[in-house]
Amino acid sequence: MPKKEIELGYATRLVNHSPVSLITVAAKGQVDIVAVGWLTPLSVQPPLIGIAISPRRYSHDLIRRAGEFVINIAQADMLKQVEYCGSISGEADDKFKAAGFTPGEPRRVSVPLINECFAAIECGLVEVLPLGDHSFFVGQALTVWADPVAFEVYWKPENEEGRTLNHFGGHSYGVIEKRLEPK
């Protein structure tokens, strides 16, 4: 297949189809939500997940201080809230209220879940690695929540409730509507 060389900065966009997540964190009496498109599984046993956040983000220091966070998986119809949570600092704004979210009760951390998201992973912070212009936060899954209409063993994108909002880079998003399996 013929290819042409493209801008070096697009390397991350070629591999960045992960579901957009709204990371919640609470520290210093503050609760914040930050939109993250860069996350990846790292280990099954123990279950480790990595998220990349710029040190310029208010939530960056909150996660360091708190030592815990929640990965809330955003569904396809949450684009407006995702864009808001990714572009406004939580230092002065109450993003839960402004985005119309309801805080949910966690089981093993002191950080609220977002009730409107169809999945959430409570994480304890394992390590922070400074890498380029972002820090890589490694979290260990402590409790995992999912709406069974959207996810059981796999995502169910054939159900509208199971369609994740995927980040393609910049302000570009997409939706996966079908799961494929080899025959």
N, C-alpha and C. Protein backbone atom coordinates (compact mmCIF):
# COMPACT_ATOMS: atom_id res chain seq x y z
N MET A 1 0.85 -1.17 0.00
CA MET A 1 0.00 0.00 0.00
C MET A 1 0.89 1.24 0.00
N PRO A 2 0.68 2.17 -0.91
CA PRO A 2 1.53 3.37 -0.96
C PRO A 2 1.28 4.29 0.23
N LYS A 3 2.35 4.89 0.73
CA LYS A 3 2.26 5.82 1.85
C LYS A 3 3.04 7.07 1.51
N LYS A 4 2.72 8.16 2.22
CA LYS A 4 3.52 9.36 2.09
C LYS A 4 3.94 9.80 3.48
N GLU A 5 5.07 10.42 3.59
CA GLU A 5 5.56 10.90 4.87
C GLU A 5 4.66 12.04 5.33
N ILE A 6 4.31 12.01 6.63
CA ILE A 6 3.47 13.06 7.20
C ILE A 6 4.19 13.72 8.36
N GLU A 7 3.58 14.77 8.89
CA GLU A 7 4.18 15.54 9.99
C GLU A 7 4.47 14.64 11.19
N LEU A 8 5.64 14.77 11.77
CA LEU A 8 6.09 13.97 12.90
C LEU A 8 5.11 14.03 14.08
N GLY A 9 4.53 15.20 14.32
CA GLY A 9 3.59 15.37 15.42
C GLY A 9 2.34 14.52 15.31
N TYR A 10 2.08 13.95 14.14
CA TYR A 10 0.89 13.12 13.96
C TYR A 10 1.12 11.67 14.38
N ALA A 11 2.33 11.33 14.80
CA ALA A 11 2.61 9.95 15.23
C ALA A 11 1.66 9.52 16.33
N THR A 12 1.40 10.40 17.31
CA THR A 12 0.51 10.04 18.41
C THR A 12 -0.93 9.87 17.94
N ARG A 13 -1.32 10.64 16.93
CA ARG A 13 -2.69 10.51 16.42
C ARG A 13 -2.91 9.19 15.70
N LEU A 14 -1.88 8.62 15.12
CA LEU A 14 -2.03 7.34 14.43
C LEU A 14 -2.37 6.21 15.40
N VAL A 15 -1.92 6.31 16.63
CA VAL A 15 -2.17 5.25 17.60
C VAL A 15 -3.16 5.65 18.69
N ASN A 16 -3.83 6.78 18.52
CA ASN A 16 -4.67 7.32 19.57
C ASN A 16 -6.15 7.17 19.25
N HIS A 17 -6.67 5.96 19.40
CA HIS A 17 -8.10 5.72 19.22
C HIS A 17 -8.76 5.33 20.53
N SER A 18 -8.11 5.55 21.62
CA SER A 18 -8.64 5.07 22.89
C SER A 18 -9.89 5.84 23.28
N PRO A 19 -10.73 5.23 24.13
CA PRO A 19 -11.94 5.94 24.54
C PRO A 19 -11.58 7.15 25.39
N VAL A 20 -12.28 8.23 25.14
CA VAL A 20 -12.07 9.44 25.94
C VAL A 20 -12.52 9.15 27.36
N SER A 21 -11.71 9.57 28.29
CA SER A 21 -12.04 9.38 29.70
C SER A 21 -12.06 10.71 30.42
N LEU A 22 -12.91 10.80 31.39
CA LEU A 22 -12.97 11.97 32.26
C LEU A 22 -12.37 11.53 33.59
N ILE A 23 -11.20 12.05 33.88
CA ILE A 23 -10.49 11.67 35.10
C ILE A 23 -10.96 12.57 36.23
N THR A 24 -11.43 11.95 37.31
CA THR A 24 -11.82 12.72 38.48
C THR A 24 -10.74 12.55 39.54
N VAL A 25 -10.51 13.64 40.26
CA VAL A 25 -9.51 13.64 41.32
C VAL A 25 -9.97 14.61 42.41
N ALA A 26 -9.62 14.32 43.64
CA ALA A 26 -9.96 15.18 44.76
C ALA A 26 -8.76 15.31 45.67
N ALA A 27 -8.38 16.55 45.95
CA ALA A 27 -7.28 16.84 46.87
C ALA A 27 -7.39 18.30 47.30
N LYS A 28 -6.85 18.58 48.45
CA LYS A 28 -6.85 19.96 48.98
C LYS A 28 -8.26 20.55 49.02
N GLY A 29 -9.27 19.73 49.26
CA GLY A 29 -10.64 20.22 49.31
C GLY A 29 -11.22 20.55 47.94
N GLN A 30 -10.52 20.23 46.88
CA GLN A 30 -10.96 20.51 45.52
C GLN A 30 -11.25 19.21 44.79
N VAL A 31 -12.27 19.23 43.95
CA VAL A 31 -12.57 18.12 43.06
C VAL A 31 -12.43 18.64 41.65
N ASP A 32 -11.76 17.88 40.80
CA ASP A 32 -11.56 18.31 39.41
C ASP A 32 -11.87 17.17 38.46
N ILE A 33 -12.18 17.54 37.23
CA ILE A 33 -12.40 16.60 36.13
C ILE A 33 -11.54 17.07 34.98
N VAL A 34 -10.75 16.16 34.41
CA VAL A 34 -9.97 16.51 33.22
C VAL A 34 -10.23 15.45 32.16
N ALA A 35 -10.41 15.90 30.92
CA ALA A 35 -10.62 14.98 29.80
C ALA A 35 -9.27 14.45 29.35
N VAL A 36 -9.19 13.14 29.16
CA VAL A 36 -7.95 12.49 28.74
C VAL A 36 -8.24 11.56 27.56
N GLY A 37 -7.46 11.74 26.51
CA GLY A 37 -7.57 10.85 25.35
C GLY A 37 -6.40 9.90 25.26
N TRP A 38 -5.38 10.12 26.08
CA TRP A 38 -4.20 9.26 26.06
C TRP A 38 -4.20 8.37 27.29
N LEU A 39 -4.67 7.15 27.13
CA LEU A 39 -4.63 6.17 28.20
C LEU A 39 -4.39 4.80 27.59
N THR A 40 -3.80 3.91 28.38
CA THR A 40 -3.45 2.60 27.85
C THR A 40 -3.38 1.55 28.95
N PRO A 41 -3.80 0.33 28.64
CA PRO A 41 -3.58 -0.75 29.60
C PRO A 41 -2.10 -1.08 29.64
N LEU A 42 -1.59 -1.42 30.82
CA LEU A 42 -0.17 -1.72 30.99
C LEU A 42 0.07 -3.13 31.50
N SER A 43 -0.84 -3.66 32.30
CA SER A 43 -0.65 -4.96 32.91
C SER A 43 -2.01 -5.54 33.29
N VAL A 44 -2.13 -6.87 33.16
CA VAL A 44 -3.36 -7.54 33.57
C VAL A 44 -3.28 -7.91 35.06
N GLN A 45 -2.10 -8.38 35.49
CA GLN A 45 -1.93 -8.80 36.88
C GLN A 45 -0.67 -8.19 37.46
N PRO A 46 -0.74 -7.16 38.26
CA PRO A 46 -1.95 -6.48 38.69
C PRO A 46 -2.51 -5.62 37.56
N PRO A 47 -3.79 -5.27 37.63
CA PRO A 47 -4.38 -4.45 36.57
C PRO A 47 -3.87 -3.00 36.65
N LEU A 48 -3.01 -2.63 35.70
CA LEU A 48 -2.42 -1.29 35.66
C LEU A 48 -2.85 -0.57 34.39
N ILE A 49 -3.15 0.71 34.55
CA ILE A 49 -3.55 1.56 33.43
C ILE A 49 -2.76 2.84 33.50
N GLY A 50 -2.27 3.32 32.36
CA GLY A 50 -1.51 4.56 32.31
C GLY A 50 -2.30 5.66 31.64
N ILE A 51 -2.18 6.87 32.19
CA ILE A 51 -2.81 8.05 31.58
C ILE A 51 -1.74 9.14 31.47
N ALA A 52 -1.81 9.90 30.40
CA ALA A 52 -0.86 10.98 30.19
C ALA A 52 -1.57 12.31 30.40
N ILE A 53 -0.97 13.16 31.25
CA ILE A 53 -1.54 14.48 31.55
C ILE A 53 -0.41 15.50 31.56
N SER A 54 -0.66 16.63 30.96
CA SER A 54 0.33 17.70 30.92
C SER A 54 0.49 18.32 32.31
N PRO A 55 1.72 18.63 32.70
CA PRO A 55 1.94 19.30 33.98
C PRO A 55 1.27 20.68 34.05
N ARG A 56 0.88 21.22 32.91
CA ARG A 56 0.18 22.52 32.90
C ARG A 56 -1.27 22.40 33.38
N ARG A 57 -1.78 21.17 33.45
CA ARG A 57 -3.16 20.95 33.89
C ARG A 57 -3.25 21.02 35.41
N TYR A 58 -4.28 21.66 35.89
CA TYR A 58 -4.53 21.77 37.33
C TYR A 58 -4.63 20.38 37.98
N SER A 59 -5.27 19.45 37.29
CA SER A 59 -5.47 18.11 37.85
C SER A 59 -4.16 17.34 38.01
N HIS A 60 -3.13 17.72 37.26
CA HIS A 60 -1.84 17.04 37.34
C HIS A 60 -1.32 17.02 38.78
N ASP A 61 -1.25 18.18 39.41
CA ASP A 61 -0.76 18.25 40.79
C ASP A 61 -1.74 17.65 41.78
N LEU A 62 -3.05 17.74 41.49
CA LEU A 62 -4.03 17.14 42.39
C LEU A 62 -3.85 15.62 42.45
N ILE A 63 -3.60 14.98 41.29
CA ILE A 63 -3.41 13.53 41.27
C ILE A 63 -2.16 13.16 42.07
N ARG A 64 -1.09 13.92 41.88
CA ARG A 64 0.16 13.67 42.64
C ARG A 64 -0.11 13.73 44.14
N ARG A 65 -0.85 14.76 44.56
CA ARG A 65 -1.13 14.93 46.00
C ARG A 65 -2.07 13.86 46.53
N ALA A 66 -3.12 13.57 45.76
CA ALA A 66 -4.15 12.64 46.23
C ALA A 66 -3.67 11.20 46.24
N GLY A 67 -2.85 10.83 45.25
CA GLY A 67 -2.39 9.45 45.15
C GLY A 67 -3.47 8.50 44.66
N GLU A 68 -4.52 9.04 44.08
CA GLU A 68 -5.62 8.23 43.56
C GLU A 68 -6.42 9.06 42.56
N PHE A 69 -7.15 8.35 41.70
CA PHE A 69 -8.00 9.01 40.71
C PHE A 69 -9.01 8.01 40.19
N VAL A 70 -10.00 8.50 39.45
CA VAL A 70 -10.99 7.62 38.83
C VAL A 70 -11.00 7.89 37.34
N ILE A 71 -10.96 6.83 36.55
CA ILE A 71 -11.10 6.91 35.10
C ILE A 71 -12.57 6.66 34.80
N ASN A 72 -13.27 7.67 34.32
CA ASN A 72 -14.67 7.56 33.95
C ASN A 72 -14.74 7.53 32.42
N ILE A 73 -15.29 6.46 31.84
CA ILE A 73 -15.32 6.33 30.38
C ILE A 73 -16.54 7.08 29.84
N ALA A 74 -16.26 8.03 28.93
CA ALA A 74 -17.32 8.86 28.35
C ALA A 74 -17.97 8.16 27.17
N GLN A 75 -19.28 8.24 27.09
CA GLN A 75 -19.97 7.68 25.94
C GLN A 75 -20.11 8.71 24.82
N ALA A 76 -20.52 8.24 23.68
CA ALA A 76 -20.52 9.03 22.45
C ALA A 76 -21.30 10.34 22.55
N ASP A 77 -22.35 10.37 23.33
CA ASP A 77 -23.18 11.58 23.39
C ASP A 77 -22.68 12.62 24.39
N MET A 78 -21.47 12.46 24.90
CA MET A 78 -20.93 13.37 25.91
C MET A 78 -19.89 14.34 25.35
N LEU A 79 -19.86 14.52 24.04
CA LEU A 79 -18.83 15.36 23.42
C LEU A 79 -18.78 16.77 24.01
N LYS A 80 -19.93 17.38 24.20
CA LYS A 80 -19.96 18.75 24.73
C LYS A 80 -19.33 18.83 26.13
N GLN A 81 -19.66 17.88 27.00
CA GLN A 81 -19.11 17.87 28.35
C GLN A 81 -17.61 17.55 28.33
N VAL A 82 -17.20 16.65 27.44
CA VAL A 82 -15.78 16.30 27.31
C VAL A 82 -14.97 17.52 26.89
N GLU A 83 -15.44 18.22 25.87
CA GLU A 83 -14.74 19.42 25.40
C GLU A 83 -14.66 20.47 26.51
N TYR A 84 -15.74 20.64 27.27
CA TYR A 84 -15.74 21.60 28.37
C TYR A 84 -14.70 21.19 29.43
N CYS A 85 -14.74 19.94 29.87
CA CYS A 85 -13.83 19.48 30.93
C CYS A 85 -12.38 19.47 30.48
N GLY A 86 -12.14 19.42 29.17
CA GLY A 86 -10.79 19.43 28.66
C GLY A 86 -10.25 20.80 28.34
N SER A 87 -11.10 21.84 28.42
CA SER A 87 -10.63 23.16 28.02
C SER A 87 -10.72 24.22 29.12
N ILE A 88 -11.35 23.92 30.24
CA ILE A 88 -11.51 24.87 31.34
C ILE A 88 -10.78 24.35 32.57
N SER A 89 -10.06 25.20 33.26
CA SER A 89 -9.36 24.80 34.48
C SER A 89 -10.36 24.59 35.61
N GLY A 90 -10.15 23.52 36.38
CA GLY A 90 -11.01 23.25 37.52
C GLY A 90 -10.60 24.01 38.76
N GLU A 91 -9.57 24.82 38.65
CA GLU A 91 -9.10 25.57 39.81
C GLU A 91 -10.16 26.55 40.30
N ALA A 92 -10.88 27.15 39.37
CA ALA A 92 -11.89 28.14 39.75
C ALA A 92 -13.32 27.67 39.49
N ASP A 93 -13.48 26.70 38.60
CA ASP A 93 -14.83 26.26 38.22
C ASP A 93 -15.18 24.92 38.84
N ASP A 94 -16.45 24.73 39.16
CA ASP A 94 -16.97 23.45 39.60
C ASP A 94 -17.43 22.72 38.35
N LYS A 95 -16.56 21.86 37.81
CA LYS A 95 -16.87 21.18 36.55
C LYS A 95 -18.03 20.20 36.69
N PHE A 96 -18.19 19.58 37.84
CA PHE A 96 -19.33 18.69 38.03
C PHE A 96 -20.63 19.45 37.77
N LYS A 97 -20.76 20.59 38.41
CA LYS A 97 -21.98 21.38 38.29
C LYS A 97 -22.13 21.95 36.87
N ALA A 98 -21.07 22.56 36.34
CA ALA A 98 -21.13 23.19 35.03
C ALA A 98 -21.41 22.19 33.91
N ALA A 99 -20.89 20.97 34.03
CA ALA A 99 -21.09 19.95 32.99
C ALA A 99 -22.39 19.17 33.20
N GLY A 100 -23.05 19.40 34.32
CA GLY A 100 -24.31 18.70 34.60
C GLY A 100 -24.10 17.27 35.07
N PHE A 101 -22.97 17.02 35.72
CA PHE A 101 -22.66 15.67 36.20
C PHE A 101 -23.08 15.50 37.66
N THR A 102 -23.37 14.27 38.01
CA THR A 102 -23.72 13.91 39.38
C THR A 102 -22.58 13.09 39.97
N PRO A 103 -22.02 13.49 41.12
CA PRO A 103 -20.96 12.69 41.74
C PRO A 103 -21.50 11.36 42.23
N GLY A 104 -20.77 10.28 41.94
CA GLY A 104 -21.15 8.94 42.38
C GLY A 104 -20.25 8.48 43.51
N GLU A 105 -20.73 7.53 44.28
CA GLU A 105 -20.00 7.00 45.42
C GLU A 105 -18.96 5.97 45.00
N PRO A 106 -17.70 6.21 45.34
CA PRO A 106 -16.67 5.20 45.07
C PRO A 106 -16.68 4.14 46.16
N ARG A 107 -16.01 3.04 45.90
CA ARG A 107 -15.91 1.98 46.91
C ARG A 107 -14.57 2.02 47.63
N ARG A 108 -13.46 2.24 46.88
CA ARG A 108 -12.13 2.09 47.49
C ARG A 108 -11.26 3.34 47.44
N VAL A 109 -11.74 4.43 46.87
CA VAL A 109 -10.99 5.68 46.84
C VAL A 109 -11.89 6.79 47.39
N SER A 110 -11.33 7.98 47.57
CA SER A 110 -12.13 9.09 48.09
C SER A 110 -12.46 10.10 46.99
N VAL A 111 -12.43 9.63 45.75
CA VAL A 111 -12.69 10.47 44.58
C VAL A 111 -14.05 10.10 44.01
N PRO A 112 -14.93 11.07 43.73
CA PRO A 112 -16.23 10.71 43.18
C PRO A 112 -16.15 10.18 41.75
N LEU A 113 -17.06 9.25 41.45
CA LEU A 113 -17.26 8.77 40.09
C LEU A 113 -18.19 9.77 39.41
N ILE A 114 -18.32 9.68 38.10
CA ILE A 114 -19.30 10.47 37.36
C ILE A 114 -20.44 9.52 37.03
N ASN A 115 -21.61 9.73 37.65
CA ASN A 115 -22.74 8.82 37.46
C ASN A 115 -23.18 8.71 36.01
N GLU A 116 -23.04 9.76 35.23
CA GLU A 116 -23.50 9.76 33.85
C GLU A 116 -22.61 8.94 32.91
N CYS A 117 -21.40 8.64 33.32
CA CYS A 117 -20.51 7.80 32.50
C CYS A 117 -20.89 6.34 32.70
N PHE A 118 -20.76 5.52 31.65
CA PHE A 118 -21.22 4.14 31.76
C PHE A 118 -20.17 3.17 32.28
N ALA A 119 -18.99 3.66 32.59
CA ALA A 119 -17.97 2.81 33.20
C ALA A 119 -17.02 3.68 34.01
N ALA A 120 -16.44 3.09 35.05
CA ALA A 120 -15.49 3.82 35.88
C ALA A 120 -14.50 2.84 36.48
N ILE A 121 -13.26 3.29 36.63
CA ILE A 121 -12.20 2.48 37.22
C ILE A 121 -11.55 3.30 38.33
N GLU A 122 -11.72 2.85 39.55
CA GLU A 122 -11.08 3.51 40.69
C GLU A 122 -9.63 3.04 40.71
N CYS A 123 -8.69 4.00 40.79
CA CYS A 123 -7.26 3.68 40.72
C CYS A 123 -6.48 4.27 41.87
N GLY A 124 -5.53 3.50 42.36
CA GLY A 124 -4.52 3.99 43.28
C GLY A 124 -3.28 4.32 42.46
N LEU A 125 -2.65 5.44 42.74
CA LEU A 125 -1.48 5.87 41.99
C LEU A 125 -0.28 5.01 42.36
N VAL A 126 0.37 4.43 41.35
CA VAL A 126 1.53 3.56 41.56
C VAL A 126 2.82 4.31 41.27
N GLU A 127 2.82 5.08 40.18
CA GLU A 127 4.05 5.75 39.76
C GLU A 127 3.71 6.92 38.84
N VAL A 128 4.59 7.92 38.84
CA VAL A 128 4.48 9.06 37.92
C VAL A 128 5.81 9.17 37.19
N LEU A 129 5.75 9.14 35.88
CA LEU A 129 6.95 9.24 35.06
C LEU A 129 6.89 10.51 34.22
N PRO A 130 7.83 11.44 34.38
CA PRO A 130 7.86 12.61 33.50
C PRO A 130 8.39 12.17 32.13
N LEU A 131 7.61 12.39 31.08
CA LEU A 131 7.99 11.99 29.72
C LEU A 131 7.66 13.12 28.76
N GLY A 132 8.66 13.80 28.25
CA GLY A 132 8.42 14.89 27.31
C GLY A 132 7.57 15.97 27.93
N ASP A 133 6.53 16.39 27.22
CA ASP A 133 5.67 17.47 27.72
C ASP A 133 4.47 16.96 28.53
N HIS A 134 4.45 15.67 28.87
CA HIS A 134 3.39 15.10 29.69
C HIS A 134 4.01 14.26 30.81
N SER A 135 3.21 13.98 31.81
CA SER A 135 3.58 13.01 32.84
C SER A 135 2.71 11.79 32.62
N PHE A 136 3.30 10.63 32.82
CA PHE A 136 2.59 9.37 32.67
C PHE A 136 2.26 8.85 34.05
N PHE A 137 0.97 8.84 34.40
CA PHE A 137 0.49 8.38 35.69
C PHE A 137 0.10 6.91 35.55
N VAL A 138 0.69 6.06 36.36
CA VAL A 138 0.36 4.64 36.35
C VAL A 138 -0.57 4.39 37.53
N GLY A 139 -1.76 3.91 37.23
CA GLY A 139 -2.73 3.62 38.27
C GLY A 139 -3.06 2.14 38.33
N GLN A 140 -3.24 1.63 39.53
CA GLN A 140 -3.68 0.25 39.70
C GLN A 140 -5.18 0.25 39.93
N ALA A 141 -5.90 -0.53 39.12
CA ALA A 141 -7.35 -0.63 39.27
C ALA A 141 -7.68 -1.27 40.61
N LEU A 142 -8.54 -0.61 41.38
CA LEU A 142 -8.94 -1.11 42.69
C LEU A 142 -10.39 -1.59 42.68
N THR A 143 -11.23 -0.89 41.94
CA THR A 143 -12.64 -1.26 41.75
C THR A 143 -13.02 -0.85 40.34
N VAL A 144 -13.79 -1.72 39.65
CA VAL A 144 -14.20 -1.45 38.28
C VAL A 144 -15.72 -1.52 38.20
N TRP A 145 -16.30 -0.52 37.55
CA TRP A 145 -17.75 -0.41 37.41
C TRP A 145 -18.11 -0.35 35.93
N ALA A 146 -19.21 -0.99 35.52
CA ALA A 146 -19.68 -0.88 34.12
C ALA A 146 -21.17 -1.17 34.04
N ASP A 147 -21.84 -0.44 33.18
CA ASP A 147 -23.24 -0.69 32.87
C ASP A 147 -23.28 -1.95 32.00
N PRO A 148 -23.98 -3.02 32.42
CA PRO A 148 -23.98 -4.26 31.64
C PRO A 148 -24.61 -4.13 30.25
N VAL A 149 -25.40 -3.11 30.03
CA VAL A 149 -25.95 -2.87 28.68
C VAL A 149 -24.84 -2.39 27.74
N ALA A 150 -23.82 -1.72 28.30
CA ALA A 150 -22.71 -1.18 27.52
C ALA A 150 -21.50 -2.10 27.48
N PHE A 151 -21.28 -2.85 28.56
CA PHE A 151 -20.06 -3.66 28.67
C PHE A 151 -20.31 -4.86 29.57
N GLU A 152 -19.88 -6.03 29.11
CA GLU A 152 -19.82 -7.19 30.00
C GLU A 152 -18.39 -7.72 29.89
N VAL A 153 -18.13 -8.64 29.01
CA VAL A 153 -16.76 -9.10 28.81
C VAL A 153 -16.06 -8.17 27.82
N TYR A 154 -16.81 -7.61 26.90
CA TYR A 154 -16.31 -6.67 25.89
C TYR A 154 -17.29 -5.51 25.79
N TRP A 155 -16.81 -4.40 25.17
CA TRP A 155 -17.73 -3.30 24.86
C TRP A 155 -18.82 -3.81 23.94
N LYS A 156 -19.99 -3.22 24.02
CA LYS A 156 -21.13 -3.59 23.17
C LYS A 156 -21.53 -2.39 22.32
N PRO A 157 -20.71 -2.05 21.32
CA PRO A 157 -21.02 -0.86 20.52
C PRO A 157 -22.27 -1.01 19.66
N GLU A 158 -22.77 -2.25 19.51
CA GLU A 158 -24.02 -2.43 18.77
C GLU A 158 -25.20 -1.83 19.55
N ASN A 159 -25.04 -1.67 20.86
CA ASN A 159 -26.02 -0.96 21.69
C ASN A 159 -25.58 0.50 21.79
N GLU A 160 -26.48 1.41 21.60
CA GLU A 160 -26.12 2.83 21.68
C GLU A 160 -25.43 3.16 23.00
N GLU A 161 -25.85 2.49 24.06
CA GLU A 161 -25.26 2.73 25.38
C GLU A 161 -23.81 2.29 25.46
N GLY A 162 -23.36 1.45 24.54
CA GLY A 162 -22.00 0.95 24.56
C GLY A 162 -21.07 1.63 23.59
N ARG A 163 -21.48 2.73 23.02
CA ARG A 163 -20.63 3.44 22.06
C ARG A 163 -19.75 4.46 22.78
N THR A 164 -18.45 4.22 22.69
CA THR A 164 -17.52 5.13 23.33
C THR A 164 -17.20 6.30 22.41
N LEU A 165 -16.85 7.41 23.02
CA LEU A 165 -16.35 8.57 22.30
C LEU A 165 -14.85 8.38 22.20
N ASN A 166 -14.32 8.36 21.00
CA ASN A 166 -12.90 8.12 20.80
C ASN A 166 -12.23 9.39 20.29
N HIS A 167 -11.04 9.65 20.81
CA HIS A 167 -10.30 10.87 20.47
C HIS A 167 -9.34 10.59 19.33
N PHE A 168 -9.41 11.39 18.27
CA PHE A 168 -8.54 11.23 17.11
C PHE A 168 -7.44 12.28 17.08
N GLY A 169 -7.38 13.15 18.10
CA GLY A 169 -6.38 14.21 18.17
C GLY A 169 -7.02 15.57 18.00
N GLY A 170 -6.44 16.58 18.65
CA GLY A 170 -7.01 17.93 18.56
C GLY A 170 -8.45 17.93 19.02
N HIS A 171 -9.32 18.52 18.22
CA HIS A 171 -10.76 18.56 18.52
C HIS A 171 -11.51 17.62 17.59
N SER A 172 -10.91 16.48 17.28
CA SER A 172 -11.52 15.50 16.38
C SER A 172 -11.83 14.22 17.16
N TYR A 173 -13.06 13.72 16.98
CA TYR A 173 -13.53 12.55 17.70
C TYR A 173 -14.25 11.61 16.75
N GLY A 174 -14.48 10.41 17.20
CA GLY A 174 -15.24 9.44 16.43
C GLY A 174 -15.94 8.48 17.36
N VAL A 175 -16.75 7.62 16.75
CA VAL A 175 -17.53 6.66 17.51
C VAL A 175 -17.35 5.28 16.87
N ILE A 176 -17.12 4.27 17.69
CA ILE A 176 -17.07 2.90 17.20
C ILE A 176 -18.46 2.31 17.37
N GLU A 177 -19.03 1.82 16.28
CA GLU A 177 -20.41 1.34 16.30
C GLU A 177 -20.54 -0.16 16.12
N LYS A 178 -19.44 -0.85 15.87
CA LYS A 178 -19.54 -2.28 15.60
C LYS A 178 -18.29 -2.99 16.12
N ARG A 179 -18.51 -4.11 16.77
CA ARG A 179 -17.42 -4.95 17.23
C ARG A 179 -17.24 -6.08 16.25
N LEU A 180 -16.00 -6.35 15.88
CA LEU A 180 -15.70 -7.42 14.91
C LEU A 180 -15.00 -8.57 15.62
N GLU A 181 -15.27 -9.77 15.18
CA GLU A 181 -14.59 -10.95 15.71
C GLU A 181 -14.20 -11.83 14.55
N PRO A 182 -13.03 -12.47 14.63
CA PRO A 182 -12.62 -13.36 13.54
C PRO A 182 -13.54 -14.57 13.45
N LYS A 183 -13.71 -15.07 12.26
CA LYS A 183 -14.58 -16.24 12.08
C LYS A 183 -13.79 -17.49 11.97
